[in-house]
């Protein structure tokens, strides 16, 4: 998943830097719910996915927003956990990695590209 700072509108970049840690926490929580890890609830995952759907779109991460929308739909449905849930969790985990790399302090663009290549 290709993510870079240019996706965030310039006026929103300071707000993104402030909100990014919480966004990453939300993504992590939805992944945990989709994987049905102990201590998670479908309702919590649904609420977090709904918030992510809007937040990621606002900050210009439209592909991530779509992924959050898919997770929201899965968690709203009557479908029990299956391979589609696992695929959605994997895609959100990849988004988490890309956003975490983007927001890592002290990395320049070359460091970020190296880190992303290493993780794939």
PDB file of N, CA and C in Angstrom:
ATOM      1  N   UNK A   1       0.844  -1.164   0.000  1.00  0.00           N
ATOM      2  CA  UNK A   1       0.000   0.000   0.000  1.00  0.00           C
ATOM      3  C   UNK A   1       0.894   1.234   0.000  1.00  0.00           C
ATOM      4  N   UNK A   2       0.741   2.061  -1.005  1.00  0.00           N
ATOM      5  CA  UNK A   2       1.566   3.266  -1.117  1.00  0.00           C
ATOM      6  C   UNK A   2       0.925   4.402  -0.330  1.00  0.00           C
ATOM      7  N   UNK A   3       1.635   4.857   0.678  1.00  0.00           N
ATOM      8  CA  UNK A   3       1.173   5.947   1.532  1.00  0.00           C
ATOM      9  C   UNK A   3       2.294   6.970   1.604  1.00  0.00           C
ATOM     10  N   UNK A   4       1.953   8.245   1.429  1.00  0.00           N
ATOM     11  CA  UNK A   4       2.960   9.271   1.658  1.00  0.00           C
ATOM     12  C   UNK A   4       2.296  10.539   2.180  1.00  0.00           C
ATOM     13  N   UNK A   5       3.115  11.434   2.705  1.00  0.00           N
ATOM     14  CA  UNK A   5       2.599  12.644   3.336  1.00  0.00           C
ATOM     15  C   UNK A   5       1.823  13.535   2.382  1.00  0.00           C
ATOM     16  N   UNK A   6       2.082  13.424   1.092  1.00  0.00           N
ATOM     17  CA  UNK A   6       1.384  14.271   0.129  1.00  0.00           C
ATOM     18  C   UNK A   6      -0.113  13.967   0.097  1.00  0.00           C
ATOM     19  N   UNK A   7      -0.512  12.833   0.643  1.00  0.00           N
ATOM     20  CA  UNK A   7      -1.931  12.480   0.669  1.00  0.00           C
ATOM     21  C   UNK A   7      -2.696  13.359   1.659  1.00  0.00           C
ATOM     22  N   UNK A   8      -2.024  13.848   2.673  1.00  0.00           N
ATOM     23  CA  UNK A   8      -2.670  14.684   3.681  1.00  0.00           C
ATOM     24  C   UNK A   8      -2.651  16.121   3.172  1.00  0.00           C
ATOM     25  N   UNK A   9      -3.831  16.738   3.028  1.00  0.00           N
ATOM     26  CA  UNK A   9      -3.849  18.138   2.608  1.00  0.00           C
ATOM     27  C   UNK A   9      -2.977  18.992   3.537  1.00  0.00           C
ATOM     28  N   UNK A  10      -2.281  19.945   2.958  1.00  0.00           N
ATOM     29  CA  UNK A  10      -1.304  20.738   3.707  1.00  0.00           C
ATOM     30  C   UNK A  10      -1.892  21.361   4.976  1.00  0.00           C
ATOM     31  N   UNK A  11      -3.096  21.877   4.899  1.00  0.00           N
ATOM     32  CA  UNK A  11      -3.703  22.513   6.069  1.00  0.00           C
ATOM     33  C   UNK A  11      -4.008  21.518   7.188  1.00  0.00           C
ATOM     34  N   UNK A  12      -4.153  20.246   6.846  1.00  0.00           N
ATOM     35  CA  UNK A  12      -4.490  19.229   7.844  1.00  0.00           C
ATOM     36  C   UNK A  12      -3.268  18.518   8.410  1.00  0.00           C
ATOM     37  N   UNK A  13      -2.074  18.776   7.867  1.00  0.00           N
ATOM     38  CA  UNK A  13      -0.892  18.045   8.316  1.00  0.00           C
ATOM     39  C   UNK A  13      -0.600  18.205   9.810  1.00  0.00           C
ATOM     40  N   UNK A  14      -0.704  19.418  10.389  1.00  0.00           N
ATOM     41  CA  UNK A  14      -0.478  19.510  11.846  1.00  0.00           C
ATOM     42  C   UNK A  14      -1.496  18.683  12.643  1.00  0.00           C
ATOM     43  N   UNK A  15      -2.741  18.702  12.198  1.00  0.00           N
ATOM     44  CA  UNK A  15      -3.777  17.918  12.886  1.00  0.00           C
ATOM     45  C   UNK A  15      -3.512  16.427  12.724  1.00  0.00           C
ATOM     46  N   UNK A  16      -3.050  16.011  11.536  1.00  0.00           N
ATOM     47  CA  UNK A  16      -2.720  14.611  11.314  1.00  0.00           C
ATOM     48  C   UNK A  16      -1.625  14.167  12.282  1.00  0.00           C
ATOM     49  N   UNK A  17      -0.578  14.974  12.420  1.00  0.00           N
ATOM     50  CA  UNK A  17       0.527  14.608  13.315  1.00  0.00           C
ATOM     51  C   UNK A  17       0.022  14.429  14.749  1.00  0.00           C
ATOM     52  N   UNK A  18      -0.948  15.223  15.134  1.00  0.00           N
ATOM     53  CA  UNK A  18      -1.533  15.119  16.474  1.00  0.00           C
ATOM     54  C   UNK A  18      -2.413  13.881  16.617  1.00  0.00           C
ATOM     55  N   UNK A  19      -3.203  13.596  15.597  1.00  0.00           N
ATOM     56  CA  UNK A  19      -4.186  12.510  15.666  1.00  0.00           C
ATOM     57  C   UNK A  19      -3.649  11.143  15.251  1.00  0.00           C
ATOM     58  N   UNK A  20      -2.518  11.107  14.561  1.00  0.00           N
ATOM     59  CA  UNK A  20      -2.003   9.845  14.017  1.00  0.00           C
ATOM     60  C   UNK A  20      -1.874   8.733  15.061  1.00  0.00           C
ATOM     61  N   UNK A  21      -1.326   9.006  16.256  1.00  0.00           N
ATOM     62  CA  UNK A  21      -1.205   7.907  17.230  1.00  0.00           C
ATOM     63  C   UNK A  21      -2.552   7.268  17.568  1.00  0.00           C
ATOM     64  N   UNK A  22      -3.582   8.079  17.713  1.00  0.00           N
ATOM     65  CA  UNK A  22      -4.909   7.530  18.041  1.00  0.00           C
ATOM     66  C   UNK A  22      -5.488   6.766  16.859  1.00  0.00           C
ATOM     67  N   UNK A  23      -5.247   7.266  15.644  1.00  0.00           N
ATOM     68  CA  UNK A  23      -5.712   6.559  14.445  1.00  0.00           C
ATOM     69  C   UNK A  23      -5.055   5.180  14.375  1.00  0.00           C
ATOM     70  N   UNK A  24      -3.764   5.136  14.660  1.00  0.00           N
ATOM     71  CA  UNK A  24      -3.046   3.846  14.651  1.00  0.00           C
ATOM     72  C   UNK A  24      -3.617   2.894  15.695  1.00  0.00           C
ATOM     73  N   UNK A  25      -3.957   3.414  16.873  1.00  0.00           N
ATOM     74  CA  UNK A  25      -4.574   2.584  17.915  1.00  0.00           C
ATOM     75  C   UNK A  25      -5.912   2.025  17.436  1.00  0.00           C
ATOM     76  N   UNK A  26      -6.698   2.869  16.777  1.00  0.00           N
ATOM     77  CA  UNK A  26      -8.010   2.436  16.280  1.00  0.00           C
ATOM     78  C   UNK A  26      -7.846   1.312  15.239  1.00  0.00           C
ATOM     79  N   UNK A  27      -6.895   1.484  14.327  1.00  0.00           N
ATOM     80  CA  UNK A  27      -6.666   0.447  13.309  1.00  0.00           C
ATOM     81  C   UNK A  27      -6.272  -0.857  13.985  1.00  0.00           C
ATOM     82  N   UNK A  28      -5.365  -0.765  14.944  1.00  0.00           N
ATOM     83  CA  UNK A  28      -4.920  -1.956  15.660  1.00  0.00           C
ATOM     84  C   UNK A  28      -6.088  -2.658  16.345  1.00  0.00           C
ATOM     85  N   UNK A  29      -6.977  -1.876  16.930  1.00  0.00           N
ATOM     86  CA  UNK A  29      -8.122  -2.461  17.635  1.00  0.00           C
ATOM     87  C   UNK A  29      -9.062  -3.168  16.666  1.00  0.00           C
ATOM     88  N   UNK A  30      -9.313  -2.557  15.508  1.00  0.00           N
ATOM     89  CA  UNK A  30     -10.196  -3.195  14.520  1.00  0.00           C
ATOM     90  C   UNK A  30      -9.569  -4.493  14.025  1.00  0.00           C
ATOM     91  N   UNK A  31      -8.274  -4.501  13.800  1.00  0.00           N
ATOM     92  CA  UNK A  31      -7.582  -5.733  13.389  1.00  0.00           C
ATOM     93  C   UNK A  31      -7.778  -6.807  14.457  1.00  0.00           C
ATOM     94  N   UNK A  32      -7.618  -6.447  15.717  1.00  0.00           N
ATOM     95  CA  UNK A  32      -7.792  -7.408  16.807  1.00  0.00           C
ATOM     96  C   UNK A  32      -9.210  -7.970  16.824  1.00  0.00           C
ATOM     97  N   UNK A  33     -10.195  -7.102  16.610  1.00  0.00           N
ATOM     98  CA  UNK A  33     -11.597  -7.558  16.608  1.00  0.00           C
ATOM     99  C   UNK A  33     -11.847  -8.484  15.422  1.00  0.00           C
ATOM    100  N   UNK A  34     -11.347  -8.107  14.236  1.00  0.00           N
ATOM    101  CA  UNK A  34     -11.547  -8.964  13.060  1.00  0.00           C
ATOM    102  C   UNK A  34     -10.895 -10.325  13.241  1.00  0.00           C
ATOM    103  N   UNK A  35      -9.819 -10.368  13.986  1.00  0.00           N
ATOM    104  CA  UNK A  35      -9.140 -11.645  14.247  1.00  0.00           C
ATOM    105  C   UNK A  35      -9.702 -12.342  15.480  1.00  0.00           C
ATOM    106  N   UNK A  36     -10.710 -11.745  16.093  1.00  0.00           N
ATOM    107  CA  UNK A  36     -11.399 -12.267  17.273  1.00  0.00           C
ATOM    108  C   UNK A  36     -10.437 -12.593  18.404  1.00  0.00           C
ATOM    109  N   UNK A  37      -9.551 -11.666  18.675  1.00  0.00           N
ATOM    110  CA  UNK A  37      -8.626 -11.852  19.792  1.00  0.00           C
ATOM    111  C   UNK A  37      -9.382 -11.694  21.107  1.00  0.00           C
ATOM    112  N   UNK A  38      -8.944 -12.382  22.146  1.00  0.00           N
ATOM    113  CA  UNK A  38      -9.616 -12.274  23.447  1.00  0.00           C
ATOM    114  C   UNK A  38      -9.653 -10.827  23.930  1.00  0.00           C
ATOM    115  N   UNK A  39     -10.748 -10.492  24.582  1.00  0.00           N
ATOM    116  CA  UNK A  39     -10.881  -9.152  25.149  1.00  0.00           C
ATOM    117  C   UNK A  39     -11.395  -8.120  24.155  1.00  0.00           C
ATOM    118  N   UNK A  40     -11.837  -8.571  22.988  1.00  0.00           N
ATOM    119  CA  UNK A  40     -12.374  -7.644  21.999  1.00  0.00           C
ATOM    120  C   UNK A  40     -13.860  -7.914  21.809  1.00  0.00           C
ATOM    121  N   UNK A  41     -14.568  -6.876  21.349  1.00  0.00           N
ATOM    122  CA  UNK A  41     -15.993  -7.059  21.081  1.00  0.00           C
ATOM    123  C   UNK A  41     -16.316  -6.510  19.691  1.00  0.00           C
ATOM    124  N   UNK A  42     -17.258  -7.160  19.091  1.00  0.00           N
ATOM    125  CA  UNK A  42     -17.699  -6.757  17.750  1.00  0.00           C
ATOM    126  C   UNK A  42     -18.210  -5.315  17.763  1.00  0.00           C
ATOM    127  N   UNK A  43     -18.930  -4.945  18.812  1.00  0.00           N
ATOM    128  CA  UNK A  43     -19.485  -3.600  18.913  1.00  0.00           C
ATOM    129  C   UNK A  43     -18.375  -2.553  18.972  1.00  0.00           C
ATOM    130  N   UNK A  44     -17.342  -2.834  19.730  1.00  0.00           N
ATOM    131  CA  UNK A  44     -16.211  -1.914  19.824  1.00  0.00           C
ATOM    132  C   UNK A  44     -15.530  -1.785  18.462  1.00  0.00           C
ATOM    133  N   UNK A  45     -15.319  -2.901  17.796  1.00  0.00           N
ATOM    134  CA  UNK A  45     -14.695  -2.887  16.478  1.00  0.00           C
ATOM    135  C   UNK A  45     -15.522  -2.113  15.471  1.00  0.00           C
ATOM    136  N   UNK A  46     -16.832  -2.274  15.541  1.00  0.00           N
ATOM    137  CA  UNK A  46     -17.739  -1.557  14.644  1.00  0.00           C
ATOM    138  C   UNK A  46     -17.624  -0.048  14.864  1.00  0.00           C
ATOM    139  N   UNK A  47     -17.623   0.371  16.118  1.00  0.00           N
ATOM    140  CA  UNK A  47     -17.510   1.804  16.426  1.00  0.00           C
ATOM    141  C   UNK A  47     -16.171   2.361  15.941  1.00  0.00           C
ATOM    142  N   UNK A  48     -15.097   1.619  16.166  1.00  0.00           N
ATOM    143  CA  UNK A  48     -13.767   2.076  15.744  1.00  0.00           C
ATOM    144  C   UNK A  48     -13.662   2.110  14.224  1.00  0.00           C
ATOM    145  N   UNK A  49     -14.186   1.085  13.540  1.00  0.00           N
ATOM    146  CA  UNK A  49     -14.142   1.049  12.078  1.00  0.00           C
ATOM    147  C   UNK A  49     -14.929   2.221  11.491  1.00  0.00           C
ATOM    148  N   UNK A  50     -16.073   2.536  12.087  1.00  0.00           N
ATOM    149  CA  UNK A  50     -16.893   3.660  11.626  1.00  0.00           C
ATOM    150  C   UNK A  50     -16.113   4.973  11.735  1.00  0.00           C
ATOM    151  N   UNK A  51     -15.465   5.178  12.865  1.00  0.00           N
ATOM    152  CA  UNK A  51     -14.671   6.402  13.060  1.00  0.00           C
ATOM    153  C   UNK A  51     -13.507   6.461  12.072  1.00  0.00           C
ATOM    154  N   UNK A  52     -12.842   5.335  11.872  1.00  0.00           N
ATOM    155  CA  UNK A  52     -11.718   5.274  10.932  1.00  0.00           C
ATOM    156  C   UNK A  52     -12.154   5.584   9.507  1.00  0.00           C
ATOM    157  N   UNK A  53     -13.314   5.080   9.145  1.00  0.00           N
ATOM    158  CA  UNK A  53     -13.830   5.299   7.794  1.00  0.00           C
ATOM    159  C   UNK A  53     -13.856   6.799   7.497  1.00  0.00           C
ATOM    160  N   UNK A  54     -14.374   7.575   8.418  1.00  0.00           N
ATOM    161  CA  UNK A  54     -14.431   9.018   8.223  1.00  0.00           C
ATOM    162  C   UNK A  54     -13.089   9.713   8.387  1.00  0.00           C
ATOM    163  N   UNK A  55     -12.358   9.351   9.439  1.00  0.00           N
ATOM    164  CA  UNK A  55     -11.070  10.001   9.719  1.00  0.00           C
ATOM    165  C   UNK A  55     -10.063   9.823   8.588  1.00  0.00           C
ATOM    166  N   UNK A  56      -9.916   8.593   8.117  1.00  0.00           N
ATOM    167  CA  UNK A  56      -8.928   8.329   7.079  1.00  0.00           C
ATOM    168  C   UNK A  56      -9.268   9.075   5.791  1.00  0.00           C
ATOM    169  N   UNK A  57     -10.539   9.154   5.465  1.00  0.00           N
ATOM    170  CA  UNK A  57     -10.953   9.915   4.287  1.00  0.00           C
ATOM    171  C   UNK A  57     -10.680  11.397   4.447  1.00  0.00           C
ATOM    172  N   UNK A  58     -10.949  11.923   5.631  1.00  0.00           N
ATOM    173  CA  UNK A  58     -10.701  13.344   5.907  1.00  0.00           C
ATOM    174  C   UNK A  58      -9.245  13.692   5.713  1.00  0.00           C
ATOM    175  N   UNK A  59      -8.359  12.796   6.126  1.00  0.00           N
ATOM    176  CA  UNK A  59      -6.935  13.070   6.029  1.00  0.00           C
ATOM    177  C   UNK A  59      -6.343  12.675   4.672  1.00  0.00           C
ATOM    178  N   UNK A  60      -7.183  12.240   3.742  1.00  0.00           N
ATOM    179  CA  UNK A  60      -6.718  11.958   2.391  1.00  0.00           C
ATOM    180  C   UNK A  60      -6.301  10.530   2.124  1.00  0.00           C
ATOM    181  N   UNK A  61      -6.485   9.651   3.090  1.00  0.00           N
ATOM    182  CA  UNK A  61      -6.123   8.248   2.922  1.00  0.00           C
ATOM    183  C   UNK A  61      -7.366   7.471   2.460  1.00  0.00           C
ATOM    184  N   UNK A  62      -7.731   7.685   1.194  1.00  0.00           N
ATOM    185  CA  UNK A  62      -8.997   7.161   0.689  1.00  0.00           C
ATOM    186  C   UNK A  62      -9.029   5.635   0.613  1.00  0.00           C
ATOM    187  N   UNK A  63      -7.921   5.022   0.245  1.00  0.00           N
ATOM    188  CA  UNK A  63      -7.881   3.554   0.216  1.00  0.00           C
ATOM    189  C   UNK A  63      -8.057   2.996   1.623  1.00  0.00           C
ATOM    190  N   UNK A  64      -7.421   3.626   2.598  1.00  0.00           N
ATOM    191  CA  UNK A  64      -7.578   3.218   3.990  1.00  0.00           C
ATOM    192  C   UNK A  64      -9.002   3.414   4.467  1.00  0.00           C
ATOM    193  N   UNK A  65      -9.625   4.503   4.037  1.00  0.00           N
ATOM    194  CA  UNK A  65     -11.018   4.759   4.386  1.00  0.00           C
ATOM    195  C   UNK A  65     -11.921   3.663   3.836  1.00  0.00           C
ATOM    196  N   UNK A  66     -11.646   3.247   2.600  1.00  0.00           N
ATOM    197  CA  UNK A  66     -12.429   2.159   2.003  1.00  0.00           C
ATOM    198  C   UNK A  66     -12.245   0.849   2.777  1.00  0.00           C
ATOM    199  N   UNK A  67     -11.007   0.577   3.195  1.00  0.00           N
ATOM    200  CA  UNK A  67     -10.758  -0.637   3.991  1.00  0.00           C
ATOM    201  C   UNK A  67     -11.533  -0.596   5.300  1.00  0.00           C
ATOM    202  N   UNK A  68     -11.523   0.559   5.946  1.00  0.00           N
ATOM    203  CA  UNK A  68     -12.277   0.708   7.199  1.00  0.00           C
ATOM    204  C   UNK A  68     -13.768   0.521   6.940  1.00  0.00           C
ATOM    205  N   UNK A  69     -14.242   1.003   5.792  1.00  0.00           N
ATOM    206  CA  UNK A  69     -15.649   0.813   5.425  1.00  0.00           C
ATOM    207  C   UNK A  69     -15.991  -0.651   5.240  1.00  0.00           C
ATOM    208  N   UNK A  70     -15.083  -1.403   4.635  1.00  0.00           N
ATOM    209  CA  UNK A  70     -15.292  -2.852   4.469  1.00  0.00           C
ATOM    210  C   UNK A  70     -15.353  -3.517   5.842  1.00  0.00           C
ATOM    211  N   UNK A  71     -14.430  -3.151   6.725  1.00  0.00           N
ATOM    212  CA  UNK A  71     -14.433  -3.720   8.078  1.00  0.00           C
ATOM    213  C   UNK A  71     -15.740  -3.383   8.790  1.00  0.00           C
ATOM    214  N   UNK A  72     -16.197  -2.150   8.629  1.00  0.00           N
ATOM    215  CA  UNK A  72     -17.465  -1.731   9.249  1.00  0.00           C
ATOM    216  C   UNK A  72     -18.619  -2.584   8.733  1.00  0.00           C
ATOM    217  N   UNK A  73     -18.670  -2.801   7.429  1.00  0.00           N
ATOM    218  CA  UNK A  73     -19.734  -3.620   6.848  1.00  0.00           C
ATOM    219  C   UNK A  73     -19.676  -5.055   7.355  1.00  0.00           C
ATOM    220  N   UNK A  74     -18.472  -5.612   7.440  1.00  0.00           N
ATOM    221  CA  UNK A  74     -18.332  -6.981   7.948  1.00  0.00           C
ATOM    222  C   UNK A  74     -18.817  -7.085   9.388  1.00  0.00           C
ATOM    223  N   UNK A  75     -18.437  -6.114  10.196  1.00  0.00           N
ATOM    224  CA  UNK A  75     -18.802  -6.163  11.613  1.00  0.00           C
ATOM    225  C   UNK A  75     -20.284  -5.884  11.834  1.00  0.00           C
ATOM    226  N   UNK A  76     -20.915  -5.183  10.897  1.00  0.00           N
ATOM    227  CA  UNK A  76     -22.359  -4.928  10.970  1.00  0.00           C
ATOM    228  C   UNK A  76     -23.172  -6.132  10.522  1.00  0.00           C
ATOM    229  N   UNK A  77     -22.583  -6.964   9.692  1.00  0.00           N
ATOM    230  CA  UNK A  77     -23.314  -8.083   9.088  1.00  0.00           C
ATOM    231  C   UNK A  77     -23.539  -9.206  10.094  1.00  0.00           C
ATOM    232  N   UNK A  78     -24.368 -10.128   9.658  1.00  0.00           N
ATOM    233  CA  UNK A  78     -24.638 -11.318  10.468  1.00  0.00           C
ATOM    234  C   UNK A  78     -23.622 -12.421  10.213  1.00  0.00           C
ATOM    235  N   UNK A  79     -22.689 -12.164   9.309  1.00  0.00           N
ATOM    236  CA  UNK A  79     -21.682 -13.157   8.947  1.00  0.00           C
ATOM    237  C   UNK A  79     -20.728 -13.363  10.126  1.00  0.00           C
ATOM    238  N   UNK A  80     -20.440 -14.609  10.405  1.00  0.00           N
ATOM    239  CA  UNK A  80     -19.477 -14.905  11.459  1.00  0.00           C
ATOM    240  C   UNK A  80     -18.069 -14.820  10.871  1.00  0.00           C
ATOM    241  N   UNK A  81     -17.099 -14.775  11.736  1.00  0.00           N
ATOM    242  CA  UNK A  81     -15.708 -14.615  11.317  1.00  0.00           C
ATOM    243  C   UNK A  81     -15.340 -15.679  10.298  1.00  0.00           C
ATOM    244  N   UNK A  82     -14.723 -15.240   9.199  1.00  0.00           N
ATOM    245  CA  UNK A  82     -14.321 -16.173   8.150  1.00  0.00           C
ATOM    246  C   UNK A  82     -13.086 -15.626   7.439  1.00  0.00           C
ATOM    247  N   UNK A  83     -12.748 -16.200   6.299  1.00  0.00           N
ATOM    248  CA  UNK A  83     -11.545 -15.804   5.555  1.00  0.00           C
ATOM    249  C   UNK A  83     -11.604 -14.350   5.097  1.00  0.00           C
ATOM    250  N   UNK A  84     -12.791 -13.869   4.756  1.00  0.00           N
ATOM    251  CA  UNK A  84     -12.933 -12.466   4.345  1.00  0.00           C
ATOM    252  C   UNK A  84     -12.531 -11.551   5.503  1.00  0.00           C
ATOM    253  N   UNK A  85     -12.903 -11.921   6.711  1.00  0.00           N
ATOM    254  CA  UNK A  85     -12.518 -11.136   7.889  1.00  0.00           C
ATOM    255  C   UNK A  85     -10.998 -11.139   8.037  1.00  0.00           C
ATOM    256  N   UNK A  86     -10.394 -12.315   7.834  1.00  0.00           N
ATOM    257  CA  UNK A  86      -8.931 -12.417   7.940  1.00  0.00           C
ATOM    258  C   UNK A  86      -8.239 -11.555   6.888  1.00  0.00           C
ATOM    259  N   UNK A  87      -8.778 -11.564   5.664  1.00  0.00           N
ATOM    260  CA  UNK A  87      -8.210 -10.731   4.599  1.00  0.00           C
ATOM    261  C   UNK A  87      -8.311  -9.252   4.957  1.00  0.00           C
ATOM    262  N   UNK A  88      -9.462  -8.836   5.469  1.00  0.00           N
ATOM    263  CA  UNK A  88      -9.645  -7.441   5.864  1.00  0.00           C
ATOM    264  C   UNK A  88      -8.674  -7.078   6.986  1.00  0.00           C
ATOM    265  N   UNK A  89      -8.492  -7.975   7.934  1.00  0.00           N
ATOM    266  CA  UNK A  89      -7.557  -7.735   9.037  1.00  0.00           C
ATOM    267  C   UNK A  89      -6.133  -7.582   8.507  1.00  0.00           C
ATOM    268  N   UNK A  90      -5.753  -8.437   7.559  1.00  0.00           N
ATOM    269  CA  UNK A  90      -4.411  -8.361   6.976  1.00  0.00           C
ATOM    270  C   UNK A  90      -4.203  -7.041   6.237  1.00  0.00           C
ATOM    271  N   UNK A  91      -5.204  -6.606   5.498  1.00  0.00           N
ATOM    272  CA  UNK A  91      -5.089  -5.351   4.759  1.00  0.00           C
ATOM    273  C   UNK A  91      -5.012  -4.157   5.714  1.00  0.00           C
ATOM    274  N   UNK A  92      -5.788  -4.191   6.777  1.00  0.00           N
ATOM    275  CA  UNK A  92      -5.722  -3.113   7.770  1.00  0.00           C
ATOM    276  C   UNK A  92      -4.387  -3.130   8.508  1.00  0.00           C
ATOM    277  N   UNK A  93      -3.839  -4.311   8.749  1.00  0.00           N
ATOM    278  CA  UNK A  93      -2.526  -4.406   9.391  1.00  0.00           C
ATOM    279  C   UNK A  93      -1.448  -3.798   8.486  1.00  0.00           C
ATOM    280  N   UNK A  94      -1.572  -4.010   7.177  1.00  0.00           N
ATOM    281  CA  UNK A  94      -0.630  -3.407   6.228  1.00  0.00           C
ATOM    282  C   UNK A  94      -0.782  -1.884   6.221  1.00  0.00           C
ATOM    283  N   UNK A  95      -2.020  -1.405   6.307  1.00  0.00           N
ATOM    284  CA  UNK A  95      -2.265   0.030   6.400  1.00  0.00           C
ATOM    285  C   UNK A  95      -1.631   0.591   7.669  1.00  0.00           C
ATOM    286  N   UNK A  96      -1.789  -0.120   8.775  1.00  0.00           N
ATOM    287  CA  UNK A  96      -1.197   0.302  10.047  1.00  0.00           C
ATOM    288  C   UNK A  96       0.309   0.455   9.900  1.00  0.00           C
ATOM    289  N   UNK A  97       0.941  -0.533   9.286  1.00  0.00           N
ATOM    290  CA  UNK A  97       2.386  -0.490   9.088  1.00  0.00           C
ATOM    291  C   UNK A  97       2.790   0.712   8.233  1.00  0.00           C
ATOM    292  N   UNK A  98       2.073   0.933   7.142  1.00  0.00           N
ATOM    293  CA  UNK A  98       2.398   2.050   6.253  1.00  0.00           C
ATOM    294  C   UNK A  98       2.233   3.395   6.964  1.00  0.00           C
ATOM    295  N   UNK A  99       1.150   3.545   7.713  1.00  0.00           N
ATOM    296  CA  UNK A  99       0.928   4.807   8.430  1.00  0.00           C
ATOM    297  C   UNK A  99       1.919   4.972   9.571  1.00  0.00           C
ATOM    298  N   UNK A 100       2.258   3.889  10.243  1.00  0.00           N
ATOM    299  CA  UNK A 100       3.231   3.972  11.342  1.00  0.00           C
ATOM    300  C   UNK A 100       4.591   4.378  10.794  1.00  0.00           C
ATOM    301  N   UNK A 101       4.953   3.849   9.640  1.00  0.00           N
ATOM    302  CA  UNK A 101       6.220   4.207   9.009  1.00  0.00           C
ATOM    303  C   UNK A 101       6.206   5.673   8.608  1.00  0.00           C
ATOM    304  N   UNK A 102       5.090   6.125   8.080  1.00  0.00           N
ATOM    305  CA  UNK A 102       4.950   7.523   7.662  1.00  0.00           C
ATOM    306  C   UNK A 102       5.090   8.472   8.844  1.00  0.00           C
ATOM    307  N   UNK A 103       4.540   8.092   9.970  1.00  0.00           N
ATOM    308  CA  UNK A 103       4.513   8.994  11.124  1.00  0.00           C
ATOM    309  C   UNK A 103       5.681   8.805  12.079  1.00  0.00           C
ATOM    310  N   UNK A 104       6.577   7.854  11.771  1.00  0.00           N
ATOM    311  CA  UNK A 104       7.716   7.604  12.657  1.00  0.00           C
ATOM    312  C   UNK A 104       8.605   8.845  12.731  1.00  0.00           C
ATOM    313  N   UNK A 105       8.886   9.327  13.935  1.00  0.00           N
ATOM    314  CA  UNK A 105       9.711  10.521  14.063  1.00  0.00           C
ATOM    315  C   UNK A 105      11.155  10.244  13.646  1.00  0.00           C
ATOM    316  N   UNK A 106      11.767  11.235  13.027  1.00  0.00           N
ATOM    317  CA  UNK A 106      13.186  11.157  12.723  1.00  0.00           C
ATOM    318  C   UNK A 106      13.541  10.403  11.464  1.00  0.00           C
ATOM    319  N   UNK A 107      12.549   9.914  10.720  1.00  0.00           N
ATOM    320  CA  UNK A 107      12.845   9.220   9.472  1.00  0.00           C
ATOM    321  C   UNK A 107      12.712  10.199   8.314  1.00  0.00           C
ATOM    322  N   UNK A 108      13.696  10.186   7.423  1.00  0.00           N
ATOM    323  CA  UNK A 108      13.516  10.966   6.212  1.00  0.00           C
ATOM    324  C   UNK A 108      12.916  10.053   5.151  1.00  0.00           C
ATOM    325  N   UNK A 109      12.635  10.577   3.960  1.00  0.00           N
ATOM    326  CA  UNK A 109      11.963   9.794   2.926  1.00  0.00           C
ATOM    327  C   UNK A 109      12.744   8.551   2.533  1.00  0.00           C
ATOM    328  N   UNK A 110      14.077   8.627   2.454  1.00  0.00           N
ATOM    329  CA  UNK A 110      14.878   7.460   2.096  1.00  0.00           C
ATOM    330  C   UNK A 110      14.773   6.369   3.146  1.00  0.00           C
ATOM    331  N   UNK A 111      14.792   6.768   4.430  1.00  0.00           N
ATOM    332  CA  UNK A 111      14.648   5.787   5.506  1.00  0.00           C
ATOM    333  C   UNK A 111      13.285   5.109   5.437  1.00  0.00           C
ATOM    334  N   UNK A 112      12.243   5.891   5.180  1.00  0.00           N
ATOM    335  CA  UNK A 112      10.892   5.333   5.109  1.00  0.00           C
ATOM    336  C   UNK A 112      10.785   4.325   3.970  1.00  0.00           C
ATOM    337  N   UNK A 113      11.325   4.686   2.789  1.00  0.00           N
ATOM    338  CA  UNK A 113      11.260   3.765   1.648  1.00  0.00           C
ATOM    339  C   UNK A 113      12.005   2.473   1.960  1.00  0.00           C
ATOM    340  N   UNK A 114      13.153   2.571   2.588  1.00  0.00           N
ATOM    341  CA  UNK A 114      13.927   1.368   2.942  1.00  0.00           C
ATOM    342  C   UNK A 114      13.150   0.500   3.910  1.00  0.00           C
ATOM    343  N   UNK A 115      12.526   1.134   4.899  1.00  0.00           N
ATOM    344  CA  UNK A 115      11.779   0.389   5.907  1.00  0.00           C
ATOM    345  C   UNK A 115      10.579  -0.302   5.271  1.00  0.00           C
ATOM    346  N   UNK A 116       9.873   0.387   4.365  1.00  0.00           N
ATOM    347  CA  UNK A 116       8.722  -0.214   3.716  1.00  0.00           C
ATOM    348  C   UNK A 116       9.139  -1.395   2.850  1.00  0.00           C
ATOM    349  N   UNK A 117      10.233  -1.267   2.091  1.00  0.00           N
ATOM    350  CA  UNK A 117      10.703  -2.391   1.264  1.00  0.00           C
ATOM    351  C   UNK A 117      11.083  -3.585   2.124  1.00  0.00           C
ATOM    352  N   UNK A 118      11.727  -3.330   3.250  1.00  0.00           N
ATOM    353  CA  UNK A 118      12.165  -4.405   4.135  1.00  0.00           C
ATOM    354  C   UNK A 118      10.973  -5.171   4.699  1.00  0.00           C
ATOM    355  N   UNK A 119       9.874  -4.464   4.977  1.00  0.00           N
ATOM    356  CA  UNK A 119       8.713  -5.089   5.601  1.00  0.00           C
ATOM    357  C   UNK A 119       7.838  -5.828   4.600  1.00  0.00           C
ATOM    358  N   UNK A 120       8.107  -5.712   3.308  1.00  0.00           N
ATOM    359  CA  UNK A 120       7.272  -6.397   2.311  1.00  0.00           C
ATOM    360  C   UNK A 120       7.902  -7.607   1.802  1.00  0.00           C
TER     361      UNK A 120
END
